[in-house]
Amino acid sequence: MKFNPCHTRWGFHNGRLTKEFFQENNITLLDHPACSPDLNPIENIWGWIAREVYKNGHQFQTVDALREAIFNTWSNVPTSLLETLASSMPKRLFEVINKNGGATH
């Protein structure tokens, strides 16, 4: 399996040590613009976490209770969701290219 990390040219992604690490380890980067949710599957995970944490209208009495629910939910993200999001990347890239870099959804 070939792995190409995304590189947004955003802050710490552009640091000298980061660049050197990728270069020294012969890692090819997949370049895409920052703030591109169509190419950023973590946005789908944040949405899934929010739905899980607040499902059935659940409300939290304290920030600590909310924090605990978020951490517990994060620890239980289904592998199937991660696999689905990873396998959706070729389609996402194709859609963005077809929209000339514009939003797809």
Protein backbone atom coordinates (compact mmCIF):
# COMPACT_ATOMS: atom_id res chain seq x y z
CA MET A 1 0.00 0.00 0.00
CA LYS A 2 1.40 3.37 -1.01
CA PHE A 3 1.02 6.17 1.54
CA ASN A 4 1.11 9.83 0.55
CA PRO A 5 0.58 12.26 3.43
CA CYS A 6 -1.34 15.42 2.62
CA HIS A 7 0.59 18.65 2.87
CA THR A 8 -1.30 21.90 3.27
CA ARG A 9 1.67 24.28 3.52
CA TRP A 10 0.11 25.39 6.80
CA GLY A 11 2.33 26.50 9.70
CA PHE A 12 4.08 23.54 11.26
CA HIS A 13 3.67 21.45 8.09
CA ASN A 14 6.15 23.79 6.44
CA GLY A 15 8.89 23.74 9.07
CA ARG A 16 12.48 22.92 8.19
CA LEU A 17 12.56 19.75 10.31
CA THR A 18 9.33 18.50 8.75
CA LYS A 19 10.66 19.09 5.24
CA GLU A 20 13.95 17.38 6.09
CA PHE A 21 12.17 14.37 7.58
CA PHE A 22 10.07 13.83 4.46
CA GLN A 23 13.07 14.34 2.19
CA GLU A 24 15.39 12.02 4.16
CA ASN A 25 12.74 9.29 4.25
CA ASN A 26 11.82 9.58 0.55
CA ILE A 27 8.22 10.43 1.40
CA THR A 28 6.25 11.95 -1.46
CA LEU A 29 3.71 14.50 -0.30
CA LEU A 30 0.24 14.97 -1.72
CA ASP A 31 -0.12 18.73 -2.00
CA HIS A 32 -3.50 20.35 -1.52
CA PRO A 33 -4.79 23.69 -0.29
CA ALA A 34 -5.32 24.40 3.41
CA CYS A 35 -8.89 24.60 4.65
CA SER A 36 -10.20 22.15 2.07
CA PRO A 37 -12.79 20.05 3.95
CA ASP A 38 -13.62 18.01 0.84
CA LEU A 39 -10.08 16.62 1.01
CA ASN A 40 -9.90 16.33 4.78
CA PRO A 41 -11.63 13.21 6.13
CA ILE A 42 -11.04 14.28 9.74
CA GLU A 43 -13.94 16.71 9.21
CA ASN A 44 -16.21 13.68 8.78
CA ILE A 45 -14.84 12.18 11.97
CA TRP A 46 -15.50 15.39 13.94
CA GLY A 47 -19.09 15.30 12.66
CA TRP A 48 -19.48 11.65 13.64
CA ILE A 49 -18.09 12.37 17.12
CA ALA A 50 -20.47 15.31 17.62
CA ARG A 51 -23.47 13.19 16.58
CA GLU A 52 -22.42 10.37 18.90
CA VAL A 53 -21.74 12.64 21.88
CA TYR A 54 -25.09 14.43 21.56
CA LYS A 55 -27.23 11.54 20.29
CA ASN A 56 -30.72 11.27 21.75
CA GLY A 57 -30.48 14.93 22.76
CA HIS A 58 -27.92 14.23 25.48
CA GLN A 59 -26.85 17.34 27.39
CA PHE A 60 -23.90 17.66 29.75
CA GLN A 61 -23.93 19.34 33.13
CA THR A 62 -20.19 20.06 33.26
CA VAL A 63 -17.34 20.70 30.88
CA ASP A 64 -15.53 17.72 32.41
CA ALA A 65 -18.45 15.41 31.58
CA LEU A 66 -18.50 16.69 27.99
CA ARG A 67 -14.72 16.30 27.71
CA GLU A 68 -14.93 12.71 29.00
CA ALA A 69 -17.68 11.88 26.50
CA ILE A 70 -15.63 13.32 23.64
CA PHE A 71 -12.50 11.39 24.65
CA ASN A 72 -14.46 8.15 25.07
CA THR A 73 -16.12 8.61 21.69
CA TRP A 74 -12.78 9.42 20.03
CA SER A 75 -11.37 6.19 21.46
CA ASN A 76 -14.21 4.22 19.88
CA VAL A 77 -14.25 5.54 16.32
CA PRO A 78 -15.15 2.44 14.29
CA THR A 79 -12.41 1.00 12.13
CA SER A 80 -15.00 0.65 9.37
CA LEU A 81 -15.52 4.45 9.36
CA LEU A 82 -11.77 5.04 9.06
CA GLU A 83 -11.50 2.50 6.24
CA THR A 84 -14.46 4.04 4.40
CA LEU A 85 -12.98 7.53 4.67
CA ALA A 86 -9.53 6.38 3.56
CA SER A 87 -10.95 4.54 0.55
CA SER A 88 -13.02 7.60 -0.40
CA MET A 89 -9.92 9.72 -1.06
CA PRO A 90 -9.47 8.87 -4.77
CA LYS A 91 -13.10 9.82 -5.43
CA ARG A 92 -12.75 13.02 -3.39
CA LEU A 93 -9.63 14.02 -5.32
CA PHE A 94 -11.31 13.31 -8.65
CA GLU A 95 -14.35 15.42 -7.66
CA VAL A 96 -12.21 18.38 -6.58
CA ILE A 97 -10.21 18.19 -9.82
CA ASN A 98 -13.45 18.13 -11.83
CA LYS A 99 -14.65 21.22 -9.92
CA ASN A 100 -11.33 23.00 -10.62
CA GLY A 101 -10.57 23.10 -6.91
CA GLY A 102 -14.06 24.16 -5.90
CA ALA A 103 -16.26 22.65 -3.21
CA THR A 104 -17.88 19.33 -4.05
CA HIS A 105 -20.63 19.19 -1.42
